PDB file of N, CA and C in Angstrom:
ATOM      1  N   MET A   1     142.216 122.087 115.967  1.00  0.00           N
ATOM      2  CA  MET A   1     141.381 122.126 117.148  1.00  0.00           C
ATOM      3  C   MET A   1     139.933 121.752 116.820  1.00  0.00           C
ATOM      4  N   ASN A   2     139.442 122.215 115.668  1.00  0.00           N
ATOM      5  CA  ASN A   2     138.071 121.905 115.273  1.00  0.00           C
ATOM      6  C   ASN A   2     137.894 120.416 115.008  1.00  0.00           C
ATOM      7  N   LYS A   3     138.910 119.763 114.454  1.00  0.00           N
ATOM      8  CA  LYS A   3     138.823 118.341 114.177  1.00  0.00           C
ATOM      9  C   LYS A   3     138.734 117.543 115.477  1.00  0.00           C
ATOM     10  N   ILE A   4     139.532 117.947 116.462  1.00  0.00           N
ATOM     11  CA  ILE A   4     139.517 117.250 117.744  1.00  0.00           C
ATOM     12  C   ILE A   4     138.168 117.447 118.436  1.00  0.00           C
ATOM     13  N   MET A   5     137.632 118.670 118.405  1.00  0.00           N
ATOM     14  CA  MET A   5     136.331 118.943 119.022  1.00  0.00           C
ATOM     15  C   MET A   5     135.230 118.159 118.310  1.00  0.00           C
ATOM     16  N   GLY A   6     135.323 118.083 116.989  1.00  0.00           N
ATOM     17  CA  GLY A   6     134.319 117.343 116.226  1.00  0.00           C
ATOM     18  C   GLY A   6     134.333 115.867 116.581  1.00  0.00           C
ATOM     19  N   LYS A   7     135.542 115.294 116.696  1.00  0.00           N
ATOM     20  CA  LYS A   7     135.654 113.883 117.054  1.00  0.00           C
ATOM     21  C   LYS A   7     135.192 113.644 118.488  1.00  0.00           C
ATOM     22  N   ALA A   8     135.505 114.564 119.387  1.00  0.00           N
ATOM     23  CA  ALA A   8     135.084 114.423 120.782  1.00  0.00           C
ATOM     24  C   ALA A   8     133.559 114.484 120.891  1.00  0.00           C
ATOM     25  N   LEU A   9     132.953 115.397 120.154  1.00  0.00           N
ATOM     26  CA  LEU A   9     131.495 115.499 120.185  1.00  0.00           C
ATOM     27  C   LEU A   9     130.845 114.262 119.558  1.00  0.00           C
ATOM     28  N   ALA A  10     131.443 113.742 118.496  1.00  0.00           N
ATOM     29  CA  ALA A  10     130.915 112.524 117.872  1.00  0.00           C
ATOM     30  C   ALA A  10     131.009 111.351 118.843  1.00  0.00           C
ATOM     31  N   LEU A  11     132.126 111.242 119.538  1.00  0.00           N
ATOM     32  CA  LEU A  11     132.290 110.165 120.514  1.00  0.00           C
ATOM     33  C   LEU A  11     131.299 110.323 121.668  1.00  0.00           C
ATOM     34  N   LEU A  12     131.109 111.550 122.125  1.00  0.00           N
ATOM     35  CA  LEU A  12     130.149 111.809 123.189  1.00  0.00           C
ATOM     36  C   LEU A  12     128.729 111.483 122.723  1.00  0.00           C
ATOM     37  N   GLY A  13     128.404 111.821 121.482  1.00  0.00           N
ATOM     38  CA  GLY A  13     127.087 111.497 120.943  1.00  0.00           C
ATOM     39  C   GLY A  13     126.862 110.007 120.839  1.00  0.00           C
ATOM     40  N   PHE A  14     127.924 109.249 120.622  1.00  0.00           N
ATOM     41  CA  PHE A  14     127.810 107.799 120.534  1.00  0.00           C
ATOM     42  C   PHE A  14     127.706 107.153 121.916  1.00  0.00           C
ATOM     43  N   VAL A  15     128.452 107.684 122.874  1.00  0.00           N
ATOM     44  CA  VAL A  15     128.528 107.076 124.199  1.00  0.00           C
ATOM     45  C   VAL A  15     127.413 107.566 125.135  1.00  0.00           C
ATOM     46  N   ALA A  16     126.895 108.761 124.908  1.00  0.00           N
ATOM     47  CA  ALA A  16     125.907 109.344 125.821  1.00  0.00           C
ATOM     48  C   ALA A  16     124.669 108.464 126.011  1.00  0.00           C
ATOM     49  N   PRO A  17     124.078 107.895 124.950  1.00  0.00           N
ATOM     50  CA  PRO A  17     122.909 107.040 125.194  1.00  0.00           C
ATOM     51  C   PRO A  17     123.248 105.814 126.028  1.00  0.00           C
ATOM     52  N   VAL A  18     124.437 105.269 125.865  1.00  0.00           N
ATOM     53  CA  VAL A  18     124.837 104.094 126.636  1.00  0.00           C
ATOM     54  C   VAL A  18     124.992 104.475 128.102  1.00  0.00           C
ATOM     55  N   ILE A  19     125.563 105.634 128.352  1.00  0.00           N
ATOM     56  CA  ILE A  19     125.758 106.088 129.730  1.00  0.00           C
ATOM     57  C   ILE A  19     124.417 106.323 130.407  1.00  0.00           C
ATOM     58  N   THR A  20     123.466 106.917 129.679  1.00  0.00           N
ATOM     59  CA  THR A  20     122.170 107.207 130.300  1.00  0.00           C
ATOM     60  C   THR A  20     121.368 105.946 130.561  1.00  0.00           C
ATOM     61  N   LEU A  21     121.619 104.887 129.808  1.00  0.00           N
ATOM     62  CA  LEU A  21     120.879 103.646 130.014  1.00  0.00           C
ATOM     63  C   LEU A  21     121.499 102.751 131.080  1.00  0.00           C
ATOM     64  N   ALA A  22     122.691 103.096 131.557  1.00  0.00           N
ATOM     65  CA  ALA A  22     123.339 102.279 132.587  1.00  0.00           C
ATOM     66  C   ALA A  22     122.517 102.358 133.871  1.00  0.00           C
ATOM     67  N   GLN A  23     122.306 101.214 134.489  1.00  0.00           N
ATOM     68  CA  GLN A  23     121.492 101.175 135.693  1.00  0.00           C
ATOM     69  C   GLN A  23     122.247 100.463 136.806  1.00  0.00           C
ATOM     70  N   ASP A  24     121.987 100.929 138.004  1.00  0.00           N
ATOM     71  CA  ASP A  24     122.553 100.277 139.172  1.00  0.00           C
ATOM     72  C   ASP A  24     121.421  99.505 139.826  1.00  0.00           C
ATOM     73  N   TYR A  25     121.445  98.201 139.723  1.00  0.00           N
ATOM     74  CA  TYR A  25     120.361  97.371 140.225  1.00  0.00           C
ATOM     75  C   TYR A  25     120.838  96.601 141.447  1.00  0.00           C
ATOM     76  N   ASP A  26     120.028  96.589 142.479  1.00  0.00           N
ATOM     77  CA  ASP A  26     120.360  95.897 143.714  1.00  0.00           C
ATOM     78  C   ASP A  26     119.785  94.483 143.654  1.00  0.00           C
ATOM     79  N   TYR A  27     120.663  93.495 143.532  1.00  0.00           N
ATOM     80  CA  TYR A  27     120.229  92.112 143.459  1.00  0.00           C
ATOM     81  C   TYR A  27     120.013  91.500 144.842  1.00  0.00           C
ATOM     82  N   ASN A  28     120.326  92.210 145.889  1.00  0.00           N
ATOM     83  CA  ASN A  28     120.173  91.699 147.249  1.00  0.00           C
ATOM     84  C   ASN A  28     118.890  92.226 147.871  1.00  0.00           C
ATOM     85  N   TYR A  29     117.782  91.955 147.222  1.00  0.00           N
ATOM     86  CA  TYR A  29     116.511  92.435 147.755  1.00  0.00           C
ATOM     87  C   TYR A  29     115.886  91.356 148.620  1.00  0.00           C
ATOM     88  N   ASN A  30     115.051  91.789 149.537  1.00  0.00           N
ATOM     89  CA  ASN A  30     114.347  90.855 150.413  1.00  0.00           C
ATOM     90  C   ASN A  30     113.030  90.445 149.767  1.00  0.00           C
ATOM     91  N   VAL A  31     112.789  89.158 149.750  1.00  0.00           N
ATOM     92  CA  VAL A  31     111.531  88.657 149.208  1.00  0.00           C
ATOM     93  C   VAL A  31     110.546  88.562 150.359  1.00  0.00           C
ATOM     94  N   ASN A  32     109.462  89.275 150.251  1.00  0.00           N
ATOM     95  CA  ASN A  32     108.441  89.266 151.289  1.00  0.00           C
ATOM     96  C   ASN A  32     107.248  88.481 150.774  1.00  0.00           C
ATOM     97  N   TRP A  33     107.001  87.306 151.325  1.00  0.00           N
ATOM     98  CA  TRP A  33     105.907  86.466 150.871  1.00  0.00           C
ATOM     99  C   TRP A  33     104.625  86.743 151.635  1.00  0.00           C
ATOM    100  N   ASP A  34     104.589  87.802 152.410  1.00  0.00           N
ATOM    101  CA  ASP A  34     103.402  88.132 153.178  1.00  0.00           C
ATOM    102  C   ASP A  34     102.454  88.940 152.286  1.00  0.00           C
ATOM    103  N   TYR A  35     101.334  88.316 151.884  1.00  0.00           N
ATOM    104  CA  TYR A  35     100.362  89.008 151.049  1.00  0.00           C
ATOM    105  C   TYR A  35      99.397  89.764 151.949  1.00  0.00           C
ATOM    106  N   SER A  36      99.328  91.015 151.748  1.00  0.00           N
ATOM    107  CA  SER A  36      98.437  91.831 152.572  1.00  0.00           C
ATOM    108  C   SER A  36      97.197  92.199 151.760  1.00  0.00           C
ATOM    109  N   THR A  37      96.316  92.955 152.374  1.00  0.00           N
ATOM    110  CA  THR A  37      95.093  93.369 151.682  1.00  0.00           C
ATOM    111  C   THR A  37      95.426  94.323 150.532  1.00  0.00           C
ATOM    112  N   THR A  38      96.520  95.030 150.630  1.00  0.00           N
ATOM    113  CA  THR A  38      96.909  95.933 149.555  1.00  0.00           C
ATOM    114  C   THR A  38      97.217  95.153 148.287  1.00  0.00           C
ATOM    115  N   ASP A  39      97.879  94.010 148.446  1.00  0.00           N
ATOM    116  CA  ASP A  39      98.188  93.184 147.285  1.00  0.00           C
ATOM    117  C   ASP A  39      96.914  92.640 146.657  1.00  0.00           C
ATOM    118  N   ALA A  40      95.940  92.235 147.483  1.00  0.00           N
ATOM    119  CA  ALA A  40      94.684  91.712 146.959  1.00  0.00           C
ATOM    120  C   ALA A  40      93.920  92.807 146.222  1.00  0.00           C
ATOM    121  N   ALA A  41      93.936  94.019 146.784  1.00  0.00           N
ATOM    122  CA  ALA A  41      93.243  95.129 146.130  1.00  0.00           C
ATOM    123  C   ALA A  41      93.919  95.469 144.807  1.00  0.00           C
ATOM    124  N   THR A  42      95.232  95.401 144.782  1.00  0.00           N
ATOM    125  CA  THR A  42      95.958  95.673 143.549  1.00  0.00           C
ATOM    126  C   THR A  42      95.628  94.620 142.496  1.00  0.00           C
ATOM    127  N   GLY A  43      95.555  93.364 142.899  1.00  0.00           N
ATOM    128  CA  GLY A  43      95.197  92.290 141.980  1.00  0.00           C
ATOM    129  C   GLY A  43      93.787  92.447 141.445  1.00  0.00           C
ATOM    130  N   ALA A  44      92.868  92.839 142.307  1.00  0.00           N
ATOM    131  CA  ALA A  44      91.487  93.045 141.875  1.00  0.00           C
ATOM    132  C   ALA A  44      91.388  94.215 140.908  1.00  0.00           C
ATOM    133  N   GLY A  45      92.149  95.265 141.183  1.00  0.00           N
ATOM    134  CA  GLY A  45      92.159  96.412 140.267  1.00  0.00           C
ATOM    135  C   GLY A  45      92.736  96.043 138.913  1.00  0.00           C
ATOM    136  N   ALA A  46      93.788  95.242 138.915  1.00  0.00           N
ATOM    137  CA  ALA A  46      94.392  94.811 137.659  1.00  0.00           C
ATOM    138  C   ALA A  46      93.424  93.929 136.881  1.00  0.00           C
ATOM    139  N   ALA A  47      92.702  93.068 137.588  1.00  0.00           N
ATOM    140  CA  ALA A  47      91.725  92.209 136.921  1.00  0.00           C
ATOM    141  C   ALA A  47      90.601  93.039 136.318  1.00  0.00           C
ATOM    142  N   ALA A  48      90.127  94.035 137.056  1.00  0.00           N
ATOM    143  CA  ALA A  48      89.069  94.902 136.543  1.00  0.00           C
ATOM    144  C   ALA A  48      89.552  95.674 135.318  1.00  0.00           C
ATOM    145  N   LEU A  49      90.789  96.139 135.371  1.00  0.00           N
ATOM    146  CA  LEU A  49      91.346  96.850 134.228  1.00  0.00           C
ATOM    147  C   LEU A  49      91.454  95.933 133.015  1.00  0.00           C
ATOM    148  N   GLY A  50      91.886  94.701 133.235  1.00  0.00           N
ATOM    149  CA  GLY A  50      91.990  93.749 132.136  1.00  0.00           C
ATOM    150  C   GLY A  50      90.638  93.436 131.520  1.00  0.00           C
ATOM    151  N   ILE A  51      89.637  93.236 132.358  1.00  0.00           N
ATOM    152  CA  ILE A  51      88.289  92.960 131.854  1.00  0.00           C
ATOM    153  C   ILE A  51      87.748  94.173 131.101  1.00  0.00           C
ATOM    154  N   GLY A  52      88.003  95.352 131.631  1.00  0.00           N
ATOM    155  CA  GLY A  52      87.575  96.568 130.944  1.00  0.00           C
ATOM    156  C   GLY A  52      88.227  96.723 129.579  1.00  0.00           C
ATOM    157  N   MET A  53      89.505  96.387 129.501  1.00  0.00           N
ATOM    158  CA  MET A  53      90.201  96.473 128.211  1.00  0.00           C
ATOM    159  C   MET A  53      89.644  95.462 127.211  1.00  0.00           C
ATOM    160  N   ILE A  54      89.323  94.257 127.681  1.00  0.00           N
ATOM    161  CA  ILE A  54      88.744  93.248 126.799  1.00  0.00           C
ATOM    162  C   ILE A  54      87.390  93.718 126.271  1.00  0.00           C
ATOM    163  N   ILE A  55      86.564  94.296 127.136  1.00  0.00           N
ATOM    164  CA  ILE A  55      85.264  94.812 126.712  1.00  0.00           C
ATOM    165  C   ILE A  55      85.446  95.949 125.712  1.00  0.00           C
ATOM    166  N   PHE A  56      86.386  96.855 125.974  1.00  0.00           N
ATOM    167  CA  PHE A  56      86.630  97.983 125.082  1.00  0.00           C
ATOM    168  C   PHE A  56      87.098  97.514 123.706  1.00  0.00           C
ATOM    169  N   ILE A  57      88.034  96.572 123.676  1.00  0.00           N
ATOM    170  CA  ILE A  57      88.541  96.068 122.401  1.00  0.00           C
ATOM    171  C   ILE A  57      87.436  95.333 121.641  1.00  0.00           C
ATOM    172  N   GLY A  58      86.622  94.562 122.344  1.00  0.00           N
ATOM    173  CA  GLY A  58      85.501  93.883 121.698  1.00  0.00           C
ATOM    174  C   GLY A  58      84.503  94.863 121.101  1.00  0.00           C
ATOM    175  N   LEU A  59      84.219  95.928 121.837  1.00  0.00           N
ATOM    176  CA  LEU A  59      83.304  96.954 121.346  1.00  0.00           C
ATOM    177  C   LEU A  59      83.869  97.644 120.103  1.00  0.00           C
ATOM    178  N   MET A  60      85.165  97.944 120.114  1.00  0.00           N
ATOM    179  CA  MET A  60      85.787  98.574 118.952  1.00  0.00           C
ATOM    180  C   MET A  60      85.773  97.646 117.738  1.00  0.00           C
ATOM    181  N   CYS A  61      85.938  96.344 117.969  1.00  0.00           N
ATOM    182  CA  CYS A  61      85.865  95.372 116.864  1.00  0.00           C
ATOM    183  C   CYS A  61      84.462  95.336 116.273  1.00  0.00           C
ATOM    184  N   LEU A  62      83.441  95.374 117.120  1.00  0.00           N
ATOM    185  CA  LEU A  62      82.066  95.378 116.626  1.00  0.00           C
ATOM    186  C   LEU A  62      81.751  96.646 115.835  1.00  0.00           C
ATOM    187  N   ILE A  63      82.219  97.786 116.316  1.00  0.00           N
ATOM    188  CA  ILE A  63      82.003  99.037 115.589  1.00  0.00           C
ATOM    189  C   ILE A  63      82.725  99.007 114.246  1.00  0.00           C
ATOM    190  N   GLY A  64      83.947  98.491 114.226  1.00  0.00           N
ATOM    191  CA  GLY A  64      84.689  98.371 112.972  1.00  0.00           C
ATOM    192  C   GLY A  64      83.996  97.448 111.987  1.00  0.00           C
ATOM    193  N   LEU A  65      83.456  96.334 112.475  1.00  0.00           N
ATOM    194  CA  LEU A  65      82.729  95.408 111.615  1.00  0.00           C
ATOM    195  C   LEU A  65      81.470  96.068 111.054  1.00  0.00           C
ATOM    196  N   ALA A  66      80.759  96.835 111.889  1.00  0.00           N
ATOM    197  CA  ALA A  66      79.558  97.537 111.429  1.00  0.00           C
ATOM    198  C   ALA A  66      79.915  98.548 110.341  1.00  0.00           C
ATOM    199  N   PHE A  67      81.004  99.288 110.514  1.00  0.00           N
ATOM    200  CA  PHE A  67      81.418 100.247 109.486  1.00  0.00           C
ATOM    201  C   PHE A  67      81.835  99.534 108.203  1.00  0.00           C
ATOM    202  N   PHE A  68      82.487  98.377 108.313  1.00  0.00           N
ATOM    203  CA  PHE A  68      82.882  97.631 107.112  1.00  0.00           C
ATOM    204  C   PHE A  68      81.656  97.156 106.343  1.00  0.00           C
ATOM    205  N   ILE A  69      80.654  96.638 107.061  1.00  0.00           N
ATOM    206  CA  ILE A  69      79.426  96.183 106.404  1.00  0.00           C
ATOM    207  C   ILE A  69      78.707  97.358 105.759  1.00  0.00           C
ATOM    208  N   PHE A  70      78.666  98.503 106.434  1.00  0.00           N
ATOM    209  CA  PHE A  70      78.047  99.709 105.866  1.00  0.00           C
ATOM    210  C   PHE A  70      78.790 100.138 104.607  1.00  0.00           C
ATOM    211  N   TRP A  71      80.119 100.104 104.624  1.00  0.00           N
ATOM    212  CA  TRP A  71      80.911 100.460 103.444  1.00  0.00           C
ATOM    213  C   TRP A  71      80.619  99.501 102.301  1.00  0.00           C
ATOM    214  N   LEU A  72      80.513  98.219 102.594  1.00  0.00           N
ATOM    215  CA  LEU A  72      80.230  97.213 101.565  1.00  0.00           C
ATOM    216  C   LEU A  72      78.853  97.451 100.941  1.00  0.00           C
ATOM    217  N   ILE A  73      77.854  97.780 101.741  1.00  0.00           N
ATOM    218  CA  ILE A  73      76.515  98.072 101.228  1.00  0.00           C
ATOM    219  C   ILE A  73      76.556  99.306 100.331  1.00  0.00           C
ATOM    220  N   MET A  74      77.295 100.337 100.721  1.00  0.00           N
ATOM    221  CA  MET A  74      77.396 101.540  99.896  1.00  0.00           C
ATOM    222  C   MET A  74      78.140 101.259  98.589  1.00  0.00           C
ATOM    223  N   LEU A  75      79.138 100.397  98.629  1.00  0.00           N
ATOM    224  CA  LEU A  75      79.875 100.033  97.412  1.00  0.00           C
ATOM    225  C   LEU A  75      78.964  99.272  96.450  1.00  0.00           C
ATOM    226  N   ILE A  76      78.169  98.341  96.958  1.00  0.00           N
ATOM    227  CA  ILE A  76      77.231  97.603  96.105  1.00  0.00           C
ATOM    228  C   ILE A  76      76.193  98.546  95.528  1.00  0.00           C
ATOM    229  N   ASP A  77      75.699  99.479  96.326  1.00  0.00           N
ATOM    230  CA  ASP A  77      74.737 100.456  95.836  1.00  0.00           C
ATOM    231  C   ASP A  77      75.350 101.312  94.731  1.00  0.00           C
ATOM    232  N   CYS A  78      76.602 101.693  94.900  1.00  0.00           N
ATOM    233  CA  CYS A  78      77.271 102.531  93.899  1.00  0.00           C
ATOM    234  C   CYS A  78      77.455 101.774  92.584  1.00  0.00           C
ATOM    235  N   VAL A  79      77.740 100.483  92.677  1.00  0.00           N
ATOM    236  CA  VAL A  79      77.918  99.679  91.463  1.00  0.00           C
ATOM    237  C   VAL A  79      76.588  99.530  90.728  1.00  0.00           C
ATOM    238  N   LYS A  80      75.487  99.372  91.448  1.00  0.00           N
ATOM    239  CA  LYS A  80      74.181  99.150  90.821  1.00  0.00           C
ATOM    240  C   LYS A  80      73.501 100.431  90.356  1.00  0.00           C
ATOM    241  N   ARG A  81      73.748 101.534  91.026  1.00  0.00           N
ATOM    242  CA  ARG A  81      73.045 102.786  90.734  1.00  0.00           C
ATOM    243  C   ARG A  81      73.628 103.453  89.492  1.00  0.00           C
ATOM    244  N   GLN A  82      72.742 103.994  88.647  1.00  0.00           N
ATOM    245  CA  GLN A  82      73.158 104.733  87.447  1.00  0.00           C
ATOM    246  C   GLN A  82      73.051 106.230  87.729  1.00  0.00           C
ATOM    247  N   PHE A  83      74.179 106.929  87.742  1.00  0.00           N
ATOM    248  CA  PHE A  83      74.196 108.375  87.919  1.00  0.00           C
ATOM    249  C   PHE A  83      75.479 108.926  87.309  1.00  0.00           C
ATOM    250  N   GLU A  84      75.549 110.249  87.184  1.00  0.00           N
ATOM    251  CA  GLU A  84      76.643 110.898  86.444  1.00  0.00           C
ATOM    252  C   GLU A  84      78.028 110.592  87.011  1.00  0.00           C
ATOM    253  N   GLN A  85      78.206 110.746  88.296  1.00  0.00           N
ATOM    254  CA  GLN A  85      79.535 110.646  88.905  1.00  0.00           C
ATOM    255  C   GLN A  85      79.812 109.254  89.473  1.00  0.00           C
ATOM    256  N   ARG A  86      79.303 108.256  88.829  1.00  0.00           N
ATOM    257  CA  ARG A  86      79.437 106.887  89.338  1.00  0.00           C
ATOM    258  C   ARG A  86      80.892 106.451  89.429  1.00  0.00           C
ATOM    259  N   ASN A  87      81.663 106.699  88.378  1.00  0.00           N
ATOM    260  CA  ASN A  87      83.067 106.272  88.373  1.00  0.00           C
ATOM    261  C   ASN A  87      83.877 106.992  89.451  1.00  0.00           C
ATOM    262  N   THR A  88      83.584 108.257  89.654  1.00  0.00           N
ATOM    263  CA  THR A  88      84.291 109.026  90.686  1.00  0.00           C
ATOM    264  C   THR A  88      84.013 108.433  92.068  1.00  0.00           C
ATOM    265  N   TRP A  89      82.736 108.145  92.345  1.00  0.00           N
ATOM    266  CA  TRP A  89      82.384 107.592  93.648  1.00  0.00           C
ATOM    267  C   TRP A  89      82.938 106.187  93.828  1.00  0.00           C
ATOM    268  N   LEU A  90      82.990 105.398  92.731  1.00  0.00           N
ATOM    269  CA  LEU A  90      83.599 104.071  92.840  1.00  0.00           C
ATOM    270  C   LEU A  90      85.065 104.191  93.229  1.00  0.00           C
ATOM    271  N   LEU A  91      85.776 105.120  92.591  1.00  0.00           N
ATOM    272  CA  LEU A  91      87.188 105.339  92.934  1.00  0.00           C
ATOM    273  C   LEU A  91      87.335 105.799  94.381  1.00  0.00           C
ATOM    274  N   VAL A  92      86.487 106.714  94.796  1.00  0.00           N
ATOM    275  CA  VAL A  92      86.571 107.216  96.170  1.00  0.00           C
ATOM    276  C   VAL A  92      86.335 106.084  97.161  1.00  0.00           C
ATOM    277  N   LEU A  93      85.317 105.266  96.915  1.00  0.00           N
ATOM    278  CA  LEU A  93      85.005 104.176  97.845  1.00  0.00           C
ATOM    279  C   LEU A  93      86.102 103.113  97.868  1.00  0.00           C
ATOM    280  N   ILE A  94      86.679 102.797  96.722  1.00  0.00           N
ATOM    281  CA  ILE A  94      87.697 101.757  96.678  1.00  0.00           C
ATOM    282  C   ILE A  94      89.030 102.252  97.245  1.00  0.00           C
ATOM    283  N   ILE A  95      89.443 103.450  96.859  1.00  0.00           N
ATOM    284  CA  ILE A  95      90.725 103.981  97.345  1.00  0.00           C
ATOM    285  C   ILE A  95      90.669 104.264  98.840  1.00  0.00           C
ATOM    286  N   SER A  96      89.492 104.628  99.345  1.00  0.00           N
ATOM    287  CA  SER A  96      89.373 104.947 100.768  1.00  0.00           C
ATOM    288  C   SER A  96      89.701 103.740 101.655  1.00  0.00           C
ATOM    289  N   VAL A  97      89.499 102.530 101.147  1.00  0.00           N
ATOM    290  CA  VAL A  97      89.836 101.335 101.925  1.00  0.00           C
ATOM    291  C   VAL A  97      91.338 101.275 102.163  1.00  0.00           C
ATOM    292  N   PHE A  98      92.113 101.577 101.129  1.00  0.00           N
ATOM    293  CA  PHE A  98      93.565 101.503 101.254  1.00  0.00           C
ATOM    294  C   PHE A  98      94.136 102.633 102.104  1.00  0.00           C
ATOM    295  N   LEU A  99      93.421 103.753 102.175  1.00  0.00           N
ATOM    296  CA  LEU A  99      93.879 104.876 102.994  1.00  0.00           C
ATOM    297  C   LEU A  99      93.352 104.816 104.419  1.00  0.00           C
ATOM    298  N   GLY A 100      92.418 103.923 104.682  1.00  0.00           N
ATOM    299  CA  GLY A 100      91.895 103.765 106.037  1.00  0.00           C
ATOM    300  C   GLY A 100      90.713 104.646 106.360  1.00  0.00           C
ATOM    301  N   PHE A 101      90.117 105.250 105.355  1.00  0.00           N
ATOM    302  CA  PHE A 101      88.978 106.138 105.576  1.00  0.00           C
ATOM    303  C   PHE A 101      87.719 105.603 104.910  1.00  0.00           C
ATOM    304  N   SER A 102      87.543 104.294 104.889  1.00  0.00           N
ATOM    305  CA  SER A 102      86.381 103.716 104.224  1.00  0.00           C
ATOM    306  C   SER A 102      85.087 104.140 104.914  1.00  0.00           C
ATOM    307  N   TRP A 103      85.127 104.258 106.229  1.00  0.00           N
ATOM    308  CA  TRP A 103      83.934 104.670 106.963  1.00  0.00           C
ATOM    309  C   TRP A 103      83.501 106.079 106.577  1.00  0.00           C
ATOM    310  N   LEU A 104      84.476 106.977 106.387  1.00  0.00           N
ATOM    311  CA  LEU A 104      84.164 108.352 106.022  1.00  0.00           C
ATOM    312  C   LEU A 104      83.619 108.432 104.597  1.00  0.00           C
ATOM    313  N   ALA A 105      84.224 107.688 103.668  1.00  0.00           N
ATOM    314  CA  ALA A 105      83.744 107.684 102.286  1.00  0.00           C
ATOM    315  C   ALA A 105      82.339 107.106 102.206  1.00  0.00           C
ATOM    316  N   ALA A 106      82.058 106.057 102.992  1.00  0.00           N
ATOM    317  CA  ALA A 106      80.724 105.452 102.973  1.00  0.00           C
ATOM    318  C   ALA A 106      79.680 106.420 103.519  1.00  0.00           C
ATOM    319  N   ILE A 107      80.015 107.130 104.585  1.00  0.00           N
ATOM    320  CA  ILE A 107      79.073 108.111 105.147  1.00  0.00           C
ATOM    321  C   ILE A 107      78.838 109.248 104.168  1.00  0.00           C
ATOM    322  N   LEU A 108      79.898 109.748 103.528  1.00  0.00           N
ATOM    323  CA  LEU A 108      79.744 110.809 102.524  1.00  0.00           C
ATOM    324  C   LEU A 108      78.892 110.330 101.355  1.00  0.00           C
ATOM    325  N   TYR A 109      79.140 109.126 100.859  1.00  0.00           N
ATOM    326  CA  TYR A 109      78.346 108.580  99.756  1.00  0.00           C
ATOM    327  C   TYR A 109      76.878 108.464 100.162  1.00  0.00           C
ATOM    328  N   TYR A 110      76.638 108.012 101.376  1.00  0.00           N
ATOM    329  CA  TYR A 110      75.261 107.849 101.841  1.00  0.00           C
ATOM    330  C   TYR A 110      74.510 109.178 101.820  1.00  0.00           C
ATOM    331  N   PHE A 111      75.113 110.226 102.361  1.00  0.00           N
ATOM    332  CA  PHE A 111      74.416 111.504 102.449  1.00  0.00           C
ATOM    333  C   PHE A 111      74.416 112.276 101.138  1.00  0.00           C
ATOM    334  N   MET A 112      75.433 112.111 100.299  1.00  0.00           N
ATOM    335  CA  MET A 112      75.522 112.901  99.068  1.00  0.00           C
ATOM    336  C   MET A 112      74.875 112.220  97.867  1.00  0.00           C
ATOM    337  N   VAL A 113      74.745 110.905  97.878  1.00  0.00           N
ATOM    338  CA  VAL A 113      74.193 110.212  96.715  1.00  0.00           C
ATOM    339  C   VAL A 113      72.955 109.406  97.093  1.00  0.00           C
ATOM    340  N   LYS A 114      73.111 108.458  97.962  1.00  0.00           N
ATOM    341  CA  LYS A 114      72.019 107.524  98.260  1.00  0.00           C
ATOM    342  C   LYS A 114      70.819 108.223  98.889  1.00  0.00           C
ATOM    343  N   ARG A 115      71.033 109.005  99.908  1.00  0.00           N
ATOM    344  CA  ARG A 115      69.916 109.668 100.594  1.00  0.00           C
ATOM    345  C   ARG A 115      69.311 110.760  99.722  1.00  0.00           C
ATOM    346  N   LYS A 116      70.134 111.393  98.920  1.00  0.00           N
ATOM    347  CA  LYS A 116      69.667 112.454  98.025  1.00  0.00           C
ATOM    348  C   LYS A 116      68.745 111.869  96.958  1.00  0.00           C
ATOM    349  N   ASN A 117      69.028 110.665  96.497  1.00  0.00           N
ATOM    350  CA  ASN A 117      68.253 110.026  95.435  1.00  0.00           C
ATOM    351  C   ASN A 117      67.453 108.845  95.968  1.00  0.00           C
ATOM    352  N   LEU A 118      66.725 109.043  97.039  1.00  0.00           N
ATOM    353  CA  LEU A 118      65.963 107.947  97.619  1.00  0.00           C
ATOM    354  C   LEU A 118      64.847 107.477  96.701  1.00  0.00           C
ATOM    355  N   GLY A 119      64.317 108.365  95.863  1.00  0.00           N
ATOM    356  CA  GLY A 119      63.232 107.982  94.978  1.00  0.00           C
ATOM    357  C   GLY A 119      63.660 107.032  93.876  1.00  0.00           C
ATOM    358  N   THR A 120      64.907 107.106  93.451  1.00  0.00           N
ATOM    359  CA  THR A 120      65.392 106.232  92.370  1.00  0.00           C
ATOM    360  C   THR A 120      65.956 104.975  92.949  1.00  0.00           C
ATOM    361  N   LYS A 121      65.547 103.868  92.426  1.00  0.00           N
ATOM    362  CA  LYS A 121      66.049 102.571  92.881  1.00  0.00           C
ATOM    363  C   LYS A 121      67.316 102.218  92.098  1.00  0.00           C
ATOM    364  N   PRO A 122      68.283 101.608  92.755  1.00  0.00           N
ATOM    365  CA  PRO A 122      69.466 101.164  92.011  1.00  0.00           C
ATOM    366  C   PRO A 122      69.081 100.030  91.071  1.00  0.00           C
ATOM    367  N   THR A 123      69.589 100.108  89.872  1.00  0.00           N
ATOM    368  CA  THR A 123      69.321  99.063  88.881  1.00  0.00           C
ATOM    369  C   THR A 123      70.632  98.466  88.422  1.00  0.00           C
ATOM    370  N   ALA A 124      70.534  97.295  87.842  1.00  0.00           N
ATOM    371  CA  ALA A 124      71.741  96.653  87.322  1.00  0.00           C
ATOM    372  C   ALA A 124      72.240  97.441  86.124  1.00  0.00           C
ATOM    373  N   PRO A 125      73.566  97.577  85.952  1.00  0.00           N
ATOM    374  CA  PRO A 125      74.091  98.314  84.809  1.00  0.00           C
ATOM    375  C   PRO A 125      73.677  97.657  83.497  1.00  0.00           C
ATOM    376  N   VAL A 126      73.349  98.497  82.525  1.00  0.00           N
ATOM    377  CA  VAL A 126      72.925  98.018  81.223  1.00  0.00           C
ATOM    378  C   VAL A 126      74.149  97.885  80.338  1.00  0.00           C
ATOM    379  N   ALA A 127      74.350  96.701  79.746  1.00  0.00           N
ATOM    380  CA  ALA A 127      75.488  96.468  78.854  1.00  0.00           C
ATOM    381  C   ALA A 127      75.191  97.083  77.507  1.00  0.00           C
ATOM    382  N   LYS A 128      76.172  97.781  76.975  1.00  0.00           N
ATOM    383  CA  LYS A 128      75.982  98.445  75.659  1.00  0.00           C
ATOM    384  C   LYS A 128      76.652  97.660  74.570  1.00  0.00           C
TER     385      LYS A 128
END
């Protein structure tokens, strides 16, 4: 009895998604070519939404580009600056790009290293 119930449940689990996706569609619909003011308002709303989305995506691209440039400036500063934890910060800045948190690592580096040591200028590394 358990084997039969197990097979029945397995079959039901396989067929259930197909049954739920079955649709009854009426192909005999009336096409109404009469455009009313509601259709024009809907079109205008869709156009406004599309323009708004384009502006939003453009703004997000600009913010992302600004964060990338800021991260690059902090990475160059870290390479040029001589301080104790230089290798650690280089690893943090480089690995953060692959994890998607480059903006956060750059902001942390700015406040914890660069802004803290404003009096010291970054210099080129000295070869030993």
